[in-house]
């Protein structure tokens, strides 16, 4: 079992012994993508992307999907790297494979953790000029020679953090970030509702926009060691399978379960725009991914339809079969009405 990170106290002094207790957590030591010699733990997913970009000598352009989070543009702006947007199909795959010029690279998002087989296809085509955004697929294994980055906080209760995986990371980061001032909403969420903790959560999210690239904070790293990721993996699969078995006939999104490392959510692509608000009204709180896409693409485009109508139903380790049955009942009742 991997030991948890130690608390070092004041720089230049030996670690403290005694005084009052801090937060006590177990240590499971099974963090996905914690790969000695290949993984670098940083303070955010977007900074993990920046770390990768700094290892690409002379990169002149990055090709990005239109259907993506605008936070991906932040490291490009800091490094002065131009980008070109590409479109995707209803299968969440590229409409056309762009021909890359010298020193150009392409980024692909492992959408909703569904696209393991397609990533293998892209890796065979582009090789080391491909970057995989596994922000939604923490359990997806990196491919040899293909840089990938991860955002563990999208899978568990963490204030920040990111992981970059490369074959030979060389950039040394000496300064650690701190997270305690941004983590209060996690404790508030335990005692109050998601709505009550939402302002503090949004403030913590805004903090990530201007976060300098640093090593992961001791708090976030220690919290990560306190998560039983293997149990979480099993529960995610059980909940995903429960929903898929009952809702697949309502779903416009093609799902190949053999192409999933571990489910992130159950992405239900519906043709009923009112279903989102109906779920929220019944206490099923689901995000809307990348709504800015809806403003930047034509009404009939795949990206616009995904932004407007794809419902990421929760399947994570907080929930049981009873929760899945509640979601199923609400969805099927709405279709029957």
C-alpha atoms as a PDB file:
ATOM      1  CA  UNK A   1       0.000   0.000   0.000  1.00  0.00           C
ATOM      2  CA  UNK A   2       1.338   3.440  -0.925  1.00  0.00           C
ATOM      3  CA  UNK A   3       1.889   5.597   2.184  1.00  0.00           C
ATOM      4  CA  UNK A   4       0.124   8.931   2.369  1.00  0.00           C
ATOM      5  CA  UNK A   5       2.100  12.127   1.833  1.00  0.00           C
ATOM      6  CA  UNK A   6       3.750  13.473   4.949  1.00  0.00           C
ATOM      7  CA  UNK A   7       3.114  16.872   6.486  1.00  0.00           C
ATOM      8  CA  UNK A   8       6.391  18.744   6.467  1.00  0.00           C
ATOM      9  CA  UNK A   9       5.644  21.730   8.671  1.00  0.00           C
ATOM     10  CA  UNK A  10       7.802  24.837   8.302  1.00  0.00           C
ATOM     11  CA  UNK A  11      10.406  24.593   5.514  1.00  0.00           C
ATOM     12  CA  UNK A  12      13.864  23.902   6.926  1.00  0.00           C
ATOM     13  CA  UNK A  13      12.522  22.301  10.088  1.00  0.00           C
ATOM     14  CA  UNK A  14      11.799  18.704  10.979  1.00  0.00           C
ATOM     15  CA  UNK A  15       8.150  17.549  10.815  1.00  0.00           C
ATOM     16  CA  UNK A  16       6.005  18.426  13.787  1.00  0.00           C
ATOM     17  CA  UNK A  17       5.033  15.920  16.450  1.00  0.00           C
ATOM     18  CA  UNK A  18       2.055  16.528  18.714  1.00  0.00           C
ATOM     19  CA  UNK A  19      -0.404  19.442  19.060  1.00  0.00           C
ATOM     20  CA  UNK A  20      -4.052  19.182  18.004  1.00  0.00           C
ATOM     21  CA  UNK A  21      -5.581  16.699  15.575  1.00  0.00           C
ATOM     22  CA  UNK A  22      -6.256  17.450  11.941  1.00  0.00           C
ATOM     23  CA  UNK A  23      -8.601  15.664   9.577  1.00  0.00           C
ATOM     24  CA  UNK A  24      -8.186  11.876   9.872  1.00  0.00           C
ATOM     25  CA  UNK A  25      -8.557   9.803   6.718  1.00  0.00           C
ATOM     26  CA  UNK A  26      -7.851   6.214   5.669  1.00  0.00           C
ATOM     27  CA  UNK A  27      -5.164   5.525   3.088  1.00  0.00           C
ATOM     28  CA  UNK A  28      -6.139   3.104   0.325  1.00  0.00           C
ATOM     29  CA  UNK A  29      -3.228   3.927  -1.947  1.00  0.00           C
ATOM     30  CA  UNK A  30      -5.028   2.878  -5.149  1.00  0.00           C
ATOM     31  CA  UNK A  31      -5.172   6.201  -6.998  1.00  0.00           C
ATOM     32  CA  UNK A  32      -5.666   5.544 -10.727  1.00  0.00           C
ATOM     33  CA  UNK A  33      -2.864   6.857 -12.950  1.00  0.00           C
ATOM     34  CA  UNK A  34      -0.411   7.156 -10.039  1.00  0.00           C
ATOM     35  CA  UNK A  35       2.408   5.772 -12.183  1.00  0.00           C
ATOM     36  CA  UNK A  36       5.984   6.242 -10.881  1.00  0.00           C
ATOM     37  CA  UNK A  37       8.208   7.896 -13.443  1.00  0.00           C
ATOM     38  CA  UNK A  38       5.302   8.848 -15.727  1.00  0.00           C
ATOM     39  CA  UNK A  39       2.719  10.696 -13.623  1.00  0.00           C
ATOM     40  CA  UNK A  40       2.984  14.245 -12.377  1.00  0.00           C
ATOM     41  CA  UNK A  41       0.456  15.421  -9.799  1.00  0.00           C
ATOM     42  CA  UNK A  42      -0.514  19.048 -10.386  1.00  0.00           C
ATOM     43  CA  UNK A  43      -3.005  21.492  -8.938  1.00  0.00           C
ATOM     44  CA  UNK A  44      -5.608  21.331 -11.750  1.00  0.00           C
ATOM     45  CA  UNK A  45      -6.524  19.464 -14.909  1.00  0.00           C
ATOM     46  CA  UNK A  46      -5.938  22.490 -17.126  1.00  0.00           C
ATOM     47  CA  UNK A  47      -2.488  22.908 -15.597  1.00  0.00           C
ATOM     48  CA  UNK A  48      -1.857  19.234 -16.319  1.00  0.00           C
ATOM     49  CA  UNK A  49      -2.541  20.105 -19.968  1.00  0.00           C
ATOM     50  CA  UNK A  50      -0.135  23.035 -19.724  1.00  0.00           C
ATOM     51  CA  UNK A  51       2.502  20.712 -18.281  1.00  0.00           C
ATOM     52  CA  UNK A  52       2.118  18.443 -21.315  1.00  0.00           C
ATOM     53  CA  UNK A  53       2.227  21.354 -23.765  1.00  0.00           C
ATOM     54  CA  UNK A  54       5.489  22.557 -22.225  1.00  0.00           C
ATOM     55  CA  UNK A  55       7.002  19.176 -23.101  1.00  0.00           C
ATOM     56  CA  UNK A  56       6.126  19.455 -26.797  1.00  0.00           C
ATOM     57  CA  UNK A  57       9.077  21.139 -28.502  1.00  0.00           C
ATOM     58  CA  UNK A  58       8.089  23.888 -30.885  1.00  0.00           C
ATOM     59  CA  UNK A  59       4.342  23.178 -30.936  1.00  0.00           C
ATOM     60  CA  UNK A  60       2.769  25.637 -33.381  1.00  0.00           C
ATOM     61  CA  UNK A  61      -0.950  24.761 -33.171  1.00  0.00           C
ATOM     62  CA  UNK A  62      -3.370  22.546 -31.274  1.00  0.00           C
ATOM     63  CA  UNK A  63      -6.531  21.135 -32.864  1.00  0.00           C
ATOM     64  CA  UNK A  64      -9.411  21.063 -30.346  1.00  0.00           C
ATOM     65  CA  UNK A  65     -13.019  19.862 -30.509  1.00  0.00           C
ATOM     66  CA  UNK A  66     -15.694  22.543 -30.650  1.00  0.00           C
ATOM     67  CA  UNK A  67     -17.619  20.534 -28.035  1.00  0.00           C
ATOM     68  CA  UNK A  68     -15.293  21.183 -25.104  1.00  0.00           C
ATOM     69  CA  UNK A  69     -14.807  23.291 -22.008  1.00  0.00           C
ATOM     70  CA  UNK A  70     -13.394  26.780 -22.520  1.00  0.00           C
ATOM     71  CA  UNK A  71     -10.935  26.098 -19.675  1.00  0.00           C
ATOM     72  CA  UNK A  72      -8.838  24.213 -22.240  1.00  0.00           C
ATOM     73  CA  UNK A  73      -8.065  27.546 -23.869  1.00  0.00           C
ATOM     74  CA  UNK A  74      -6.443  28.979 -20.724  1.00  0.00           C
ATOM     75  CA  UNK A  75      -3.089  27.147 -20.991  1.00  0.00           C
ATOM     76  CA  UNK A  76      -3.024  27.844 -24.736  1.00  0.00           C
ATOM     77  CA  UNK A  77      -3.432  31.565 -24.067  1.00  0.00           C
ATOM     78  CA  UNK A  78      -0.693  31.539 -21.429  1.00  0.00           C
ATOM     79  CA  UNK A  79       1.715  29.775 -23.778  1.00  0.00           C
ATOM     80  CA  UNK A  80       0.704  31.719 -26.908  1.00  0.00           C
ATOM     81  CA  UNK A  81      -0.337  28.576 -28.830  1.00  0.00           C
ATOM     82  CA  UNK A  82      -3.038  29.094 -31.495  1.00  0.00           C
ATOM     83  CA  UNK A  83      -5.795  26.525 -31.948  1.00  0.00           C
ATOM     84  CA  UNK A  84      -8.179  25.250 -34.605  1.00  0.00           C
ATOM     85  CA  UNK A  85     -11.603  23.830 -33.740  1.00  0.00           C
ATOM     86  CA  UNK A  86     -12.949  20.632 -35.262  1.00  0.00           C
ATOM     87  CA  UNK A  87     -16.454  19.151 -35.342  1.00  0.00           C
ATOM     88  CA  UNK A  88     -17.660  15.765 -34.084  1.00  0.00           C
ATOM     89  CA  UNK A  89     -20.337  13.282 -35.161  1.00  0.00           C
ATOM     90  CA  UNK A  90     -23.261  11.911 -33.112  1.00  0.00           C
ATOM     91  CA  UNK A  91     -20.919   9.031 -32.200  1.00  0.00           C
ATOM     92  CA  UNK A  92     -18.628  11.595 -30.505  1.00  0.00           C
ATOM     93  CA  UNK A  93     -15.956  11.033 -33.147  1.00  0.00           C
ATOM     94  CA  UNK A  94     -14.230  13.442 -35.527  1.00  0.00           C
ATOM     95  CA  UNK A  95     -16.167  14.380 -38.658  1.00  0.00           C
ATOM     96  CA  UNK A  96     -12.847  14.429 -40.514  1.00  0.00           C
ATOM     97  CA  UNK A  97      -9.317  13.576 -39.432  1.00  0.00           C
ATOM     98  CA  UNK A  98      -7.345  16.789 -39.903  1.00  0.00           C
ATOM     99  CA  UNK A  99      -4.002  16.532 -41.624  1.00  0.00           C
ATOM    100  CA  UNK A 100      -1.472  17.951 -39.196  1.00  0.00           C
ATOM    101  CA  UNK A 101       1.314  20.201 -40.361  1.00  0.00           C
ATOM    102  CA  UNK A 102       4.778  19.943 -38.788  1.00  0.00           C
ATOM    103  CA  UNK A 103       4.706  20.670 -35.020  1.00  0.00           C
ATOM    104  CA  UNK A 104       0.907  20.611 -34.873  1.00  0.00           C
ATOM    105  CA  UNK A 105      -0.881  18.382 -32.363  1.00  0.00           C
ATOM    106  CA  UNK A 106      -4.471  17.290 -31.849  1.00  0.00           C
ATOM    107  CA  UNK A 107      -6.434  16.896 -28.599  1.00  0.00           C
ATOM    108  CA  UNK A 108      -9.325  14.470 -28.253  1.00  0.00           C
ATOM    109  CA  UNK A 109     -11.707  14.260 -25.292  1.00  0.00           C
ATOM    110  CA  UNK A 110     -12.671  10.836 -24.003  1.00  0.00           C
ATOM    111  CA  UNK A 111     -16.302  11.939 -23.848  1.00  0.00           C
ATOM    112  CA  UNK A 112     -18.160  10.562 -20.828  1.00  0.00           C
ATOM    113  CA  UNK A 113     -15.472   7.826 -20.638  1.00  0.00           C
ATOM    114  CA  UNK A 114     -17.100   6.051 -23.622  1.00  0.00           C
ATOM    115  CA  UNK A 115     -14.381   6.109 -26.292  1.00  0.00           C
ATOM    116  CA  UNK A 116     -11.557   3.692 -25.435  1.00  0.00           C
ATOM    117  CA  UNK A 117     -11.706   1.877 -28.786  1.00  0.00           C
ATOM    118  CA  UNK A 118     -11.777   5.129 -30.747  1.00  0.00           C
ATOM    119  CA  UNK A 119      -8.789   6.460 -28.809  1.00  0.00           C
ATOM    120  CA  UNK A 120      -6.842   3.392 -29.941  1.00  0.00           C
ATOM    121  CA  UNK A 121      -7.801   4.231 -33.541  1.00  0.00           C
ATOM    122  CA  UNK A 122      -6.649   7.838 -33.158  1.00  0.00           C
ATOM    123  CA  UNK A 123      -3.442   6.752 -31.433  1.00  0.00           C
ATOM    124  CA  UNK A 124      -2.619   4.464 -34.352  1.00  0.00           C
ATOM    125  CA  UNK A 125      -3.215   7.355 -36.783  1.00  0.00           C
ATOM    126  CA  UNK A 126      -1.561  10.287 -34.990  1.00  0.00           C
ATOM    127  CA  UNK A 127       0.924   8.654 -32.614  1.00  0.00           C
ATOM    128  CA  UNK A 128       2.650  11.026 -30.197  1.00  0.00           C
ATOM    129  CA  UNK A 129       0.969  14.038 -31.835  1.00  0.00           C
ATOM    130  CA  UNK A 130      -2.260  13.055 -30.072  1.00  0.00           C
ATOM    131  CA  UNK A 131      -3.145  14.341 -26.577  1.00  0.00           C
ATOM    132  CA  UNK A 132      -5.954  12.620 -24.675  1.00  0.00           C
ATOM    133  CA  UNK A 133      -8.186  14.643 -22.363  1.00  0.00           C
ATOM    134  CA  UNK A 134      -9.279  12.051 -19.820  1.00  0.00           C
ATOM    135  CA  UNK A 135     -10.896  14.580 -17.478  1.00  0.00           C
ATOM    136  CA  UNK A 136     -14.071  12.468 -17.576  1.00  0.00           C
ATOM    137  CA  UNK A 137     -12.276   9.119 -17.614  1.00  0.00           C
ATOM    138  CA  UNK A 138     -10.064   8.785 -14.558  1.00  0.00           C
ATOM    139  CA  UNK A 139      -9.677   5.028 -15.033  1.00  0.00           C
ATOM    140  CA  UNK A 140      -8.681   5.150 -18.713  1.00  0.00           C
ATOM    141  CA  UNK A 141      -5.135   3.727 -19.086  1.00  0.00           C
ATOM    142  CA  UNK A 142      -2.625   5.962 -20.867  1.00  0.00           C
ATOM    143  CA  UNK A 143      -1.211   4.629 -24.132  1.00  0.00           C
ATOM    144  CA  UNK A 144       2.579   4.369 -24.591  1.00  0.00           C
ATOM    145  CA  UNK A 145       3.889   7.523 -26.229  1.00  0.00           C
ATOM    146  CA  UNK A 146       0.505   9.320 -26.019  1.00  0.00           C
ATOM    147  CA  UNK A 147       0.316  12.141 -23.436  1.00  0.00           C
ATOM    148  CA  UNK A 148      -2.865  12.183 -21.351  1.00  0.00           C
ATOM    149  CA  UNK A 149      -4.225  14.283 -18.520  1.00  0.00           C
ATOM    150  CA  UNK A 150      -6.846  13.664 -15.849  1.00  0.00           C
ATOM    151  CA  UNK A 151      -9.019  15.664 -13.446  1.00  0.00           C
ATOM    152  CA  UNK A 152      -9.713  13.498 -10.369  1.00  0.00           C
ATOM    153  CA  UNK A 153     -12.014  16.090  -8.781  1.00  0.00           C
ATOM    154  CA  UNK A 154     -14.641  15.301 -11.425  1.00  0.00           C
ATOM    155  CA  UNK A 155     -14.917  11.806  -9.925  1.00  0.00           C
ATOM    156  CA  UNK A 156     -14.709  12.531  -6.177  1.00  0.00           C
ATOM    157  CA  UNK A 157     -14.964  15.251  -3.558  1.00  0.00           C
ATOM    158  CA  UNK A 158     -11.719  17.171  -4.125  1.00  0.00           C
ATOM    159  CA  UNK A 159     -11.118  20.930  -4.246  1.00  0.00           C
ATOM    160  CA  UNK A 160      -8.642  20.783  -7.157  1.00  0.00           C
ATOM    161  CA  UNK A 161      -5.910  18.601  -8.618  1.00  0.00           C
ATOM    162  CA  UNK A 162      -4.830  17.167 -11.943  1.00  0.00           C
ATOM    163  CA  UNK A 163      -2.587  14.413 -13.274  1.00  0.00           C
ATOM    164  CA  UNK A 164      -0.362  14.565 -16.355  1.00  0.00           C
ATOM    165  CA  UNK A 165       0.973  11.280 -17.733  1.00  0.00           C
ATOM    166  CA  UNK A 166       3.884  11.270 -20.171  1.00  0.00           C
ATOM    167  CA  UNK A 167       6.565   8.753 -21.045  1.00  0.00           C
ATOM    168  CA  UNK A 168       9.392  10.972 -19.764  1.00  0.00           C
ATOM    169  CA  UNK A 169       8.282  14.013 -17.762  1.00  0.00           C
ATOM    170  CA  UNK A 170      11.247  16.295 -17.189  1.00  0.00           C
ATOM    171  CA  UNK A 171       9.881  19.644 -15.996  1.00  0.00           C
ATOM    172  CA  UNK A 172      10.501  19.891 -12.251  1.00  0.00           C
ATOM    173  CA  UNK A 173       7.951  21.755 -10.143  1.00  0.00           C
ATOM    174  CA  UNK A 174       9.234  22.749  -6.709  1.00  0.00           C
ATOM    175  CA  UNK A 175       6.355  24.851  -5.382  1.00  0.00           C
ATOM    176  CA  UNK A 176       3.284  23.154  -3.927  1.00  0.00           C
ATOM    177  CA  UNK A 177      -0.145  24.712  -4.035  1.00  0.00           C
ATOM    178  CA  UNK A 178      -2.415  25.025  -0.986  1.00  0.00           C
ATOM    179  CA  UNK A 179      -6.110  24.123  -1.003  1.00  0.00           C
ATOM    180  CA  UNK A 180      -7.451  24.536   2.516  1.00  0.00           C
ATOM    181  CA  UNK A 181      -8.957  27.966   1.853  1.00  0.00           C
ATOM    182  CA  UNK A 182     -10.891  26.623  -1.158  1.00  0.00           C
ATOM    183  CA  UNK A 183     -12.059  23.322   0.328  1.00  0.00           C
ATOM    184  CA  UNK A 184     -14.692  24.602   2.780  1.00  0.00           C
ATOM    185  CA  UNK A 185     -17.582  23.855   0.425  1.00  0.00           C
ATOM    186  CA  UNK A 186     -16.784  20.125   0.698  1.00  0.00           C
ATOM    187  CA  UNK A 187     -17.391  20.246   4.451  1.00  0.00           C
ATOM    188  CA  UNK A 188     -20.456  22.451   3.985  1.00  0.00           C
ATOM    189  CA  UNK A 189     -21.833  19.926   1.483  1.00  0.00           C
ATOM    190  CA  UNK A 190     -21.699  17.235   4.203  1.00  0.00           C
ATOM    191  CA  UNK A 191     -23.900  19.214   6.569  1.00  0.00           C
ATOM    192  CA  UNK A 192     -26.103  21.172   4.183  1.00  0.00           C
ATOM    193  CA  UNK A 193     -27.632  20.863   0.735  1.00  0.00           C
ATOM    194  CA  UNK A 194     -25.852  21.158  -2.594  1.00  0.00           C
ATOM    195  CA  UNK A 195     -27.769  24.396  -3.145  1.00  0.00           C
ATOM    196  CA  UNK A 196     -26.485  25.879   0.125  1.00  0.00           C
ATOM    197  CA  UNK A 197     -22.881  25.000  -0.702  1.00  0.00           C
ATOM    198  CA  UNK A 198     -23.179  26.075  -4.350  1.00  0.00           C
ATOM    199  CA  UNK A 199     -21.851  29.669  -3.951  1.00  0.00           C
ATOM    200  CA  UNK A 200     -18.726  28.434  -2.185  1.00  0.00           C
ATOM    201  CA  UNK A 201     -18.303  25.700  -4.801  1.00  0.00           C
ATOM    202  CA  UNK A 202     -18.574  28.241  -7.621  1.00  0.00           C
ATOM    203  CA  UNK A 203     -16.021  30.472  -5.914  1.00  0.00           C
ATOM    204  CA  UNK A 204     -13.646  27.517  -5.650  1.00  0.00           C
ATOM    205  CA  UNK A 205     -14.183  26.799  -9.353  1.00  0.00           C
ATOM    206  CA  UNK A 206     -13.376  30.402 -10.312  1.00  0.00           C
ATOM    207  CA  UNK A 207     -10.127  30.135  -8.366  1.00  0.00           C
ATOM    208  CA  UNK A 208      -8.924  27.507 -10.846  1.00  0.00           C
ATOM    209  CA  UNK A 209      -9.078  29.996 -13.730  1.00  0.00           C
ATOM    210  CA  UNK A 210      -5.973  31.867 -12.594  1.00  0.00           C
ATOM    211  CA  UNK A 211      -4.100  29.141 -10.747  1.00  0.00           C
ATOM    212  CA  UNK A 212      -0.368  29.094 -11.524  1.00  0.00           C
ATOM    213  CA  UNK A 213       1.007  25.684 -12.463  1.00  0.00           C
ATOM    214  CA  UNK A 214       2.218  24.049  -9.247  1.00  0.00           C
ATOM    215  CA  UNK A 215       2.458  20.666  -7.605  1.00  0.00           C
ATOM    216  CA  UNK A 216      -0.727  19.285  -6.092  1.00  0.00           C
ATOM    217  CA  UNK A 217      -1.506  20.498  -2.577  1.00  0.00           C
ATOM    218  CA  UNK A 218      -0.832  18.218   0.383  1.00  0.00           C
ATOM    219  CA  UNK A 219      -4.522  18.429   1.322  1.00  0.00           C
ATOM    220  CA  UNK A 220      -5.782  17.300  -2.090  1.00  0.00           C
ATOM    221  CA  UNK A 221      -3.189  14.541  -2.344  1.00  0.00           C
ATOM    222  CA  UNK A 222      -4.097  13.276   1.132  1.00  0.00           C
ATOM    223  CA  UNK A 223      -7.808  13.355   0.289  1.00  0.00           C
ATOM    224  CA  UNK A 224      -7.098  11.323  -2.844  1.00  0.00           C
ATOM    225  CA  UNK A 225      -5.366   8.634  -0.800  1.00  0.00           C
ATOM    226  CA  UNK A 226      -8.492   8.441   1.361  1.00  0.00           C
ATOM    227  CA  UNK A 227     -10.731   7.354  -1.544  1.00  0.00           C
ATOM    228  CA  UNK A 228     -11.260   3.659  -2.248  1.00  0.00           C
ATOM    229  CA  UNK A 229     -11.125   3.907  -6.026  1.00  0.00           C
ATOM    230  CA  UNK A 230     -11.608   0.203  -6.658  1.00  0.00           C
ATOM    231  CA  UNK A 231     -14.862   0.138  -4.705  1.00  0.00           C
ATOM    232  CA  UNK A 232     -15.903   3.309  -6.533  1.00  0.00           C
ATOM    233  CA  UNK A 233     -15.147   1.589  -9.862  1.00  0.00           C
ATOM    234  CA  UNK A 234     -17.373  -1.375  -8.988  1.00  0.00           C
ATOM    235  CA  UNK A 235     -20.278   0.832  -7.878  1.00  0.00           C
ATOM    236  CA  UNK A 236     -20.048   2.993 -10.990  1.00  0.00           C
ATOM    237  CA  UNK A 237     -20.289  -0.083 -13.193  1.00  0.00           C
ATOM    238  CA  UNK A 238     -23.234  -1.497 -11.249  1.00  0.00           C
ATOM    239  CA  UNK A 239     -25.178   1.778 -11.394  1.00  0.00           C
ATOM    240  CA  UNK A 240     -24.341   2.411 -15.049  1.00  0.00           C
ATOM    241  CA  UNK A 241     -25.453  -1.088 -16.035  1.00  0.00           C
ATOM    242  CA  UNK A 242     -28.681  -0.649 -14.066  1.00  0.00           C
ATOM    243  CA  UNK A 243     -29.563   2.537 -15.952  1.00  0.00           C
ATOM    244  CA  UNK A 244     -28.403   1.289 -19.340  1.00  0.00           C
ATOM    245  CA  UNK A 245     -30.471  -1.879 -19.121  1.00  0.00           C
ATOM    246  CA  UNK A 246     -33.612   0.152 -18.490  1.00  0.00           C
ATOM    247  CA  UNK A 247     -33.036   3.381 -20.453  1.00  0.00           C
ATOM    248  CA  UNK A 248     -31.117   2.326 -23.552  1.00  0.00           C
ATOM    249  CA  UNK A 249     -34.286   2.356 -25.681  1.00  0.00           C
ATOM    250  CA  UNK A 250     -34.779   6.047 -24.833  1.00  0.00           C
ATOM    251  CA  UNK A 251     -31.173   6.978 -25.608  1.00  0.00           C
ATOM    252  CA  UNK A 252     -30.123   8.503 -28.950  1.00  0.00           C
ATOM    253  CA  UNK A 253     -26.424   8.184 -28.051  1.00  0.00           C
ATOM    254  CA  UNK A 254     -24.757   4.977 -29.301  1.00  0.00           C
ATOM    255  CA  UNK A 255     -23.040   3.299 -26.328  1.00  0.00           C
ATOM    256  CA  UNK A 256     -20.586   0.416 -26.686  1.00  0.00           C
ATOM    257  CA  UNK A 257     -20.057  -0.884 -23.154  1.00  0.00           C
ATOM    258  CA  UNK A 258     -16.904  -2.747 -24.240  1.00  0.00           C
ATOM    259  CA  UNK A 259     -15.321   0.648 -24.976  1.00  0.00           C
ATOM    260  CA  UNK A 260     -15.636   1.981 -21.409  1.00  0.00           C
ATOM    261  CA  UNK A 261     -12.791   1.766 -18.883  1.00  0.00           C
ATOM    262  CA  UNK A 262     -15.084   2.798 -16.009  1.00  0.00           C
ATOM    263  CA  UNK A 263     -18.295   4.843 -16.385  1.00  0.00           C
ATOM    264  CA  UNK A 264     -18.271   8.543 -15.576  1.00  0.00           C
ATOM    265  CA  UNK A 265     -22.049   9.015 -15.783  1.00  0.00           C
ATOM    266  CA  UNK A 266     -24.920   7.629 -17.813  1.00  0.00           C
ATOM    267  CA  UNK A 267     -25.155  10.041 -20.772  1.00  0.00           C
ATOM    268  CA  UNK A 268     -28.805  10.066 -21.835  1.00  0.00           C
ATOM    269  CA  UNK A 269     -29.296  11.926 -25.107  1.00  0.00           C
ATOM    270  CA  UNK A 270     -32.985  12.691 -25.257  1.00  0.00           C
ATOM    271  CA  UNK A 271     -35.145  14.498 -27.747  1.00  0.00           C
ATOM    272  CA  UNK A 272     -37.281  15.982 -24.967  1.00  0.00           C
ATOM    273  CA  UNK A 273     -35.813  19.338 -23.880  1.00  0.00           C
ATOM    274  CA  UNK A 274     -38.129  19.562 -20.864  1.00  0.00           C
ATOM    275  CA  UNK A 275     -36.771  16.393 -19.259  1.00  0.00           C
ATOM    276  CA  UNK A 276     -33.754  18.203 -17.782  1.00  0.00           C
ATOM    277  CA  UNK A 277     -35.885  20.592 -15.745  1.00  0.00           C
ATOM    278  CA  UNK A 278     -38.262  17.758 -14.837  1.00  0.00           C
ATOM    279  CA  UNK A 279     -35.358  15.804 -13.334  1.00  0.00           C
ATOM    280  CA  UNK A 280     -34.066  18.846 -11.484  1.00  0.00           C
ATOM    281  CA  UNK A 281     -37.550  19.572 -10.131  1.00  0.00           C
ATOM    282  CA  UNK A 282     -37.563  16.040  -8.718  1.00  0.00           C
ATOM    283  CA  UNK A 283     -34.180  16.441  -7.018  1.00  0.00           C
ATOM    284  CA  UNK A 284     -31.958  14.836  -9.687  1.00  0.00           C
ATOM    285  CA  UNK A 285     -29.282  17.508 -10.019  1.00  0.00           C
ATOM    286  CA  UNK A 286     -27.494  17.174 -13.348  1.00  0.00           C
ATOM    287  CA  UNK A 287     -25.019  19.601 -14.908  1.00  0.00           C
ATOM    288  CA  UNK A 288     -25.215  20.999 -18.403  1.00  0.00           C
ATOM    289  CA  UNK A 289     -21.872  20.469 -20.054  1.00  0.00           C
ATOM    290  CA  UNK A 290     -20.305  23.266 -22.025  1.00  0.00           C
ATOM    291  CA  UNK A 291     -23.378  25.441 -22.656  1.00  0.00           C
ATOM    292  CA  UNK A 292     -21.115  27.932 -24.414  1.00  0.00           C
ATOM    293  CA  UNK A 293     -21.084  25.422 -27.283  1.00  0.00           C
ATOM    294  CA  UNK A 294     -24.783  26.118 -27.837  1.00  0.00           C
ATOM    295  CA  UNK A 295     -23.963  29.784 -28.446  1.00  0.00           C
ATOM    296  CA  UNK A 296     -21.167  29.103 -30.918  1.00  0.00           C
ATOM    297  CA  UNK A 297     -22.701  26.417 -33.166  1.00  0.00           C
ATOM    298  CA  UNK A 298     -25.758  26.223 -35.471  1.00  0.00           C
ATOM    299  CA  UNK A 299     -29.041  24.953 -33.937  1.00  0.00           C
ATOM    300  CA  UNK A 300     -28.962  21.661 -35.862  1.00  0.00           C
ATOM    301  CA  UNK A 301     -25.331  20.806 -35.183  1.00  0.00           C
ATOM    302  CA  UNK A 302     -24.316  17.769 -33.152  1.00  0.00           C
ATOM    303  CA  UNK A 303     -22.506  20.009 -30.681  1.00  0.00           C
ATOM    304  CA  UNK A 304     -25.578  22.179 -30.137  1.00  0.00           C
ATOM    305  CA  UNK A 305     -27.817  19.144 -29.618  1.00  0.00           C
ATOM    306  CA  UNK A 306     -25.372  17.611 -27.139  1.00  0.00           C
ATOM    307  CA  UNK A 307     -25.078  20.847 -25.182  1.00  0.00           C
ATOM    308  CA  UNK A 308     -28.854  21.274 -25.058  1.00  0.00           C
ATOM    309  CA  UNK A 309     -30.139  17.716 -24.730  1.00  0.00           C
ATOM    310  CA  UNK A 310     -27.536  15.345 -23.293  1.00  0.00           C
ATOM    311  CA  UNK A 311     -28.316  14.532 -19.655  1.00  0.00           C
ATOM    312  CA  UNK A 312     -25.360  13.155 -17.624  1.00  0.00           C
ATOM    313  CA  UNK A 313     -27.227  11.025 -15.094  1.00  0.00           C
ATOM    314  CA  UNK A 314     -25.178  10.310 -11.951  1.00  0.00           C
ATOM    315  CA  UNK A 315     -23.914   6.750 -11.393  1.00  0.00           C
ATOM    316  CA  UNK A 316     -21.069   7.437  -8.977  1.00  0.00           C
ATOM    317  CA  UNK A 317     -20.080   5.783  -5.721  1.00  0.00           C
ATOM    318  CA  UNK A 318     -22.486   7.828  -3.588  1.00  0.00           C
ATOM    319  CA  UNK A 319     -25.506   5.994  -4.959  1.00  0.00           C
ATOM    320  CA  UNK A 320     -27.216   2.615  -4.840  1.00  0.00           C
ATOM    321  CA  UNK A 321     -29.647   0.602  -6.928  1.00  0.00           C
ATOM    322  CA  UNK A 322     -32.503   2.363  -5.122  1.00  0.00           C
ATOM    323  CA  UNK A 323     -31.253   5.725  -6.376  1.00  0.00           C
ATOM    324  CA  UNK A 324     -31.049   4.329  -9.914  1.00  0.00           C
ATOM    325  CA  UNK A 325     -34.633   3.079  -9.674  1.00  0.00           C
ATOM    326  CA  UNK A 326     -35.754   6.556  -8.653  1.00  0.00           C
ATOM    327  CA  UNK A 327     -34.035   8.072 -11.707  1.00  0.00           C
ATOM    328  CA  UNK A 328     -35.561   5.434 -13.989  1.00  0.00           C
ATOM    329  CA  UNK A 329     -39.053   6.061 -12.614  1.00  0.00           C
ATOM    330  CA  UNK A 330     -38.785   9.826 -13.135  1.00  0.00           C
ATOM    331  CA  UNK A 331     -37.501   9.436 -16.714  1.00  0.00           C
ATOM    332  CA  UNK A 332     -40.001   6.783 -17.805  1.00  0.00           C
ATOM    333  CA  UNK A 333     -42.942   8.603 -16.200  1.00  0.00           C
ATOM    334  CA  UNK A 334     -42.015  11.724 -18.154  1.00  0.00           C
ATOM    335  CA  UNK A 335     -41.922   9.789 -21.428  1.00  0.00           C
ATOM    336  CA  UNK A 336     -45.261   8.177 -20.620  1.00  0.00           C
ATOM    337  CA  UNK A 337     -46.980  11.467 -19.778  1.00  0.00           C
END
